[in-house]
Amino acid sequence: MLRRQRQRSLTDTDPAPVAADDPARTRARAFTLLVRKYDECRRAVVALRWHEQDADVFMPTLHPKKFRRAPKKPQDDTPETDVTTPVLEPPVAPDPVVPEVPITA
């Protein structure tokens, strides 16, 4: 009897009320629900298309792979005016080839 009363008293506590008019919280909760349900659907597609290995064609992942950036190069204190850029000249067209045709009169 005492055990049931304790259990009721522990389970009867309500969580903190959520303000229904807080749009930021509602938007965050909706986005979280969307991502979780999408991941569940994607798991099903991966299971169905396991042998074909083409689940990404049907349902791409929402979590892109993280690429590592190359370490930044240390900056030089040398001014960039010392760097010379090559001067490109426009290409020269070759002389046209005219075939020699004998003139017969």
C-alpha atoms as a PDB file:
ATOM      1  CA  MET A   1       0.000   0.000   0.000  1.00  0.00           C
ATOM      2  CA  LEU A   2       2.725   2.432   0.977  1.00  0.00           C
ATOM      3  CA  ARG A   3       4.694   1.411  -2.067  1.00  0.00           C
ATOM      4  CA  ARG A   4       1.788   2.298  -4.373  1.00  0.00           C
ATOM      5  CA  GLN A   5       1.373   5.691  -2.730  1.00  0.00           C
ATOM      6  CA  ARG A   6       5.035   6.477  -3.210  1.00  0.00           C
ATOM      7  CA  GLN A   7       4.906   5.380  -6.791  1.00  0.00           C
ATOM      8  CA  ARG A   8       1.841   7.559  -7.424  1.00  0.00           C
ATOM      9  CA  SER A   9       3.441  10.538  -5.771  1.00  0.00           C
ATOM     10  CA  LEU A  10       6.531  10.162  -7.939  1.00  0.00           C
ATOM     11  CA  THR A  11       4.612   9.667 -11.177  1.00  0.00           C
ATOM     12  CA  ASP A  12       2.002  12.349 -10.520  1.00  0.00           C
ATOM     13  CA  THR A  13       4.515  15.163 -10.783  1.00  0.00           C
ATOM     14  CA  ASP A  14       3.978  17.045 -14.000  1.00  0.00           C
ATOM     15  CA  PRO A  15       6.943  18.286 -15.994  1.00  0.00           C
ATOM     16  CA  ALA A  16       7.452  21.991 -16.308  1.00  0.00           C
ATOM     17  CA  PRO A  17       4.671  23.474 -18.425  1.00  0.00           C
ATOM     18  CA  VAL A  18       5.688  24.431 -21.935  1.00  0.00           C
ATOM     19  CA  ALA A  19       4.603  27.824 -23.095  1.00  0.00           C
ATOM     20  CA  ALA A  20       2.424  27.241 -26.128  1.00  0.00           C
ATOM     21  CA  ASP A  21       3.068  30.700 -27.459  1.00  0.00           C
ATOM     22  CA  ASP A  22       6.859  30.372 -27.674  1.00  0.00           C
ATOM     23  CA  PRO A  23       7.452  30.110 -31.444  1.00  0.00           C
ATOM     24  CA  ALA A  24      11.194  29.498 -31.187  1.00  0.00           C
ATOM     25  CA  ARG A  25      10.706  26.495 -28.943  1.00  0.00           C
ATOM     26  CA  THR A  26       7.880  25.156 -31.107  1.00  0.00           C
ATOM     27  CA  ARG A  27      10.032  25.537 -34.233  1.00  0.00           C
ATOM     28  CA  ALA A  28      12.976  23.777 -32.572  1.00  0.00           C
ATOM     29  CA  ARG A  29      10.769  20.915 -31.402  1.00  0.00           C
ATOM     30  CA  ALA A  30       9.218  20.555 -34.859  1.00  0.00           C
ATOM     31  CA  PHE A  31      12.631  20.487 -36.511  1.00  0.00           C
ATOM     32  CA  THR A  32      13.879  17.865 -34.040  1.00  0.00           C
ATOM     33  CA  LEU A  33      10.821  15.719 -34.742  1.00  0.00           C
ATOM     34  CA  LEU A  34      11.339  16.096 -38.505  1.00  0.00           C
ATOM     35  CA  VAL A  35      15.001  15.061 -38.325  1.00  0.00           C
ATOM     36  CA  ARG A  36      14.264  12.050 -36.126  1.00  0.00           C
ATOM     37  CA  LYS A  37      11.443  10.806 -38.357  1.00  0.00           C
ATOM     38  CA  TYR A  38      13.522  11.355 -41.501  1.00  0.00           C
ATOM     39  CA  ASP A  39      16.353   9.320 -39.975  1.00  0.00           C
ATOM     40  CA  GLU A  40      13.917   6.504 -39.153  1.00  0.00           C
ATOM     41  CA  CYS A  41      12.604   6.481 -42.720  1.00  0.00           C
ATOM     42  CA  ARG A  42      16.146   6.543 -44.040  1.00  0.00           C
ATOM     43  CA  ARG A  43      17.053   3.530 -41.896  1.00  0.00           C
ATOM     44  CA  ALA A  44      14.138   1.642 -43.457  1.00  0.00           C
ATOM     45  CA  VAL A  45      15.255   2.582 -46.973  1.00  0.00           C
ATOM     46  CA  VAL A  46      18.835   1.535 -46.184  1.00  0.00           C
ATOM     47  CA  ALA A  47      17.541  -1.827 -44.952  1.00  0.00           C
ATOM     48  CA  LEU A  48      15.412  -2.322 -48.066  1.00  0.00           C
ATOM     49  CA  ARG A  49      18.154  -1.242 -50.499  1.00  0.00           C
ATOM     50  CA  TRP A  50      21.026  -2.943 -48.621  1.00  0.00           C
ATOM     51  CA  HIS A  51      22.119  -5.231 -51.460  1.00  0.00           C
ATOM     52  CA  GLU A  52      21.809  -2.537 -54.115  1.00  0.00           C
ATOM     53  CA  GLN A  53      23.793  -0.008 -52.028  1.00  0.00           C
ATOM     54  CA  ASP A  54      21.830   2.892 -53.507  1.00  0.00           C
ATOM     55  CA  ALA A  55      19.844   4.191 -50.529  1.00  0.00           C
ATOM     56  CA  ASP A  56      21.484   7.612 -50.877  1.00  0.00           C
ATOM     57  CA  VAL A  57      19.815   7.999 -54.267  1.00  0.00           C
ATOM     58  CA  PHE A  58      16.373   7.692 -52.688  1.00  0.00           C
ATOM     59  CA  MET A  59      16.994   9.408 -49.356  1.00  0.00           C
ATOM     60  CA  PRO A  60      20.209  11.398 -48.983  1.00  0.00           C
ATOM     61  CA  THR A  61      21.559  11.928 -45.515  1.00  0.00           C
ATOM     62  CA  LEU A  62      20.813  15.118 -43.623  1.00  0.00           C
ATOM     63  CA  HIS A  63      24.138  14.872 -41.840  1.00  0.00           C
ATOM     64  CA  PRO A  64      26.906  15.582 -44.362  1.00  0.00           C
ATOM     65  CA  LYS A  65      30.347  14.202 -43.771  1.00  0.00           C
ATOM     66  CA  LYS A  66      32.646  16.568 -42.008  1.00  0.00           C
ATOM     67  CA  PHE A  67      35.669  17.442 -44.066  1.00  0.00           C
ATOM     68  CA  ARG A  68      38.868  18.360 -42.361  1.00  0.00           C
ATOM     69  CA  ARG A  69      40.304  21.644 -43.378  1.00  0.00           C
ATOM     70  CA  ALA A  70      43.917  21.915 -44.330  1.00  0.00           C
ATOM     71  CA  PRO A  71      45.943  23.760 -41.736  1.00  0.00           C
ATOM     72  CA  LYS A  72      46.299  27.403 -42.502  1.00  0.00           C
ATOM     73  CA  LYS A  73      49.617  28.483 -43.901  1.00  0.00           C
ATOM     74  CA  PRO A  74      51.545  30.926 -41.776  1.00  0.00           C
ATOM     75  CA  GLN A  75      51.448  34.396 -43.212  1.00  0.00           C
ATOM     76  CA  ASP A  76      54.639  35.804 -44.607  1.00  0.00           C
ATOM     77  CA  ASP A  77      55.694  39.316 -43.763  1.00  0.00           C
ATOM     78  CA  THR A  78      57.165  39.793 -47.213  1.00  0.00           C
ATOM     79  CA  PRO A  79      55.253  42.213 -49.393  1.00  0.00           C
ATOM     80  CA  GLU A  80      53.506  40.802 -52.416  1.00  0.00           C
ATOM     81  CA  THR A  81      55.096  43.346 -54.751  1.00  0.00           C
ATOM     82  CA  ASP A  82      58.169  41.122 -55.037  1.00  0.00           C
ATOM     83  CA  VAL A  83      56.121  38.466 -56.764  1.00  0.00           C
ATOM     84  CA  THR A  84      56.318  38.788 -60.524  1.00  0.00           C
ATOM     85  CA  THR A  85      53.496  37.637 -62.716  1.00  0.00           C
ATOM     86  CA  PRO A  86      54.319  36.342 -66.160  1.00  0.00           C
ATOM     87  CA  VAL A  87      53.229  38.466 -69.099  1.00  0.00           C
ATOM     88  CA  LEU A  88      51.248  36.443 -71.565  1.00  0.00           C
ATOM     89  CA  GLU A  89      51.409  37.420 -75.207  1.00  0.00           C
ATOM     90  CA  PRO A  90      48.574  36.540 -77.531  1.00  0.00           C
ATOM     91  CA  PRO A  91      49.301  33.540 -79.739  1.00  0.00           C
ATOM     92  CA  VAL A  92      50.472  34.225 -83.260  1.00  0.00           C
ATOM     93  CA  ALA A  93      48.441  32.592 -85.994  1.00  0.00           C
ATOM     94  CA  PRO A  94      50.499  30.580 -88.494  1.00  0.00           C
ATOM     95  CA  ASP A  95      50.638  31.700 -92.113  1.00  0.00           C
ATOM     96  CA  PRO A  96      47.888  30.140 -94.195  1.00  0.00           C
ATOM     97  CA  VAL A  97      48.910  27.231 -96.359  1.00  0.00           C
ATOM     98  CA  VAL A  98      48.025  27.786-100.010  1.00  0.00           C
ATOM     99  CA  PRO A  99      48.417  24.761-102.216  1.00  0.00           C
ATOM    100  CA  GLU A 100      50.282  25.319-105.424  1.00  0.00           C
ATOM    101  CA  VAL A 101      48.140  24.526-108.402  1.00  0.00           C
ATOM    102  CA  PRO A 102      49.782  24.517-111.806  1.00  0.00           C
ATOM    103  CA  ILE A 103      48.223  27.018-114.144  1.00  0.00           C
ATOM    104  CA  THR A 104      47.482  25.529-117.502  1.00  0.00           C
ATOM    105  CA  ALA A 105      46.268  27.644-120.334  1.00  0.00           C
END
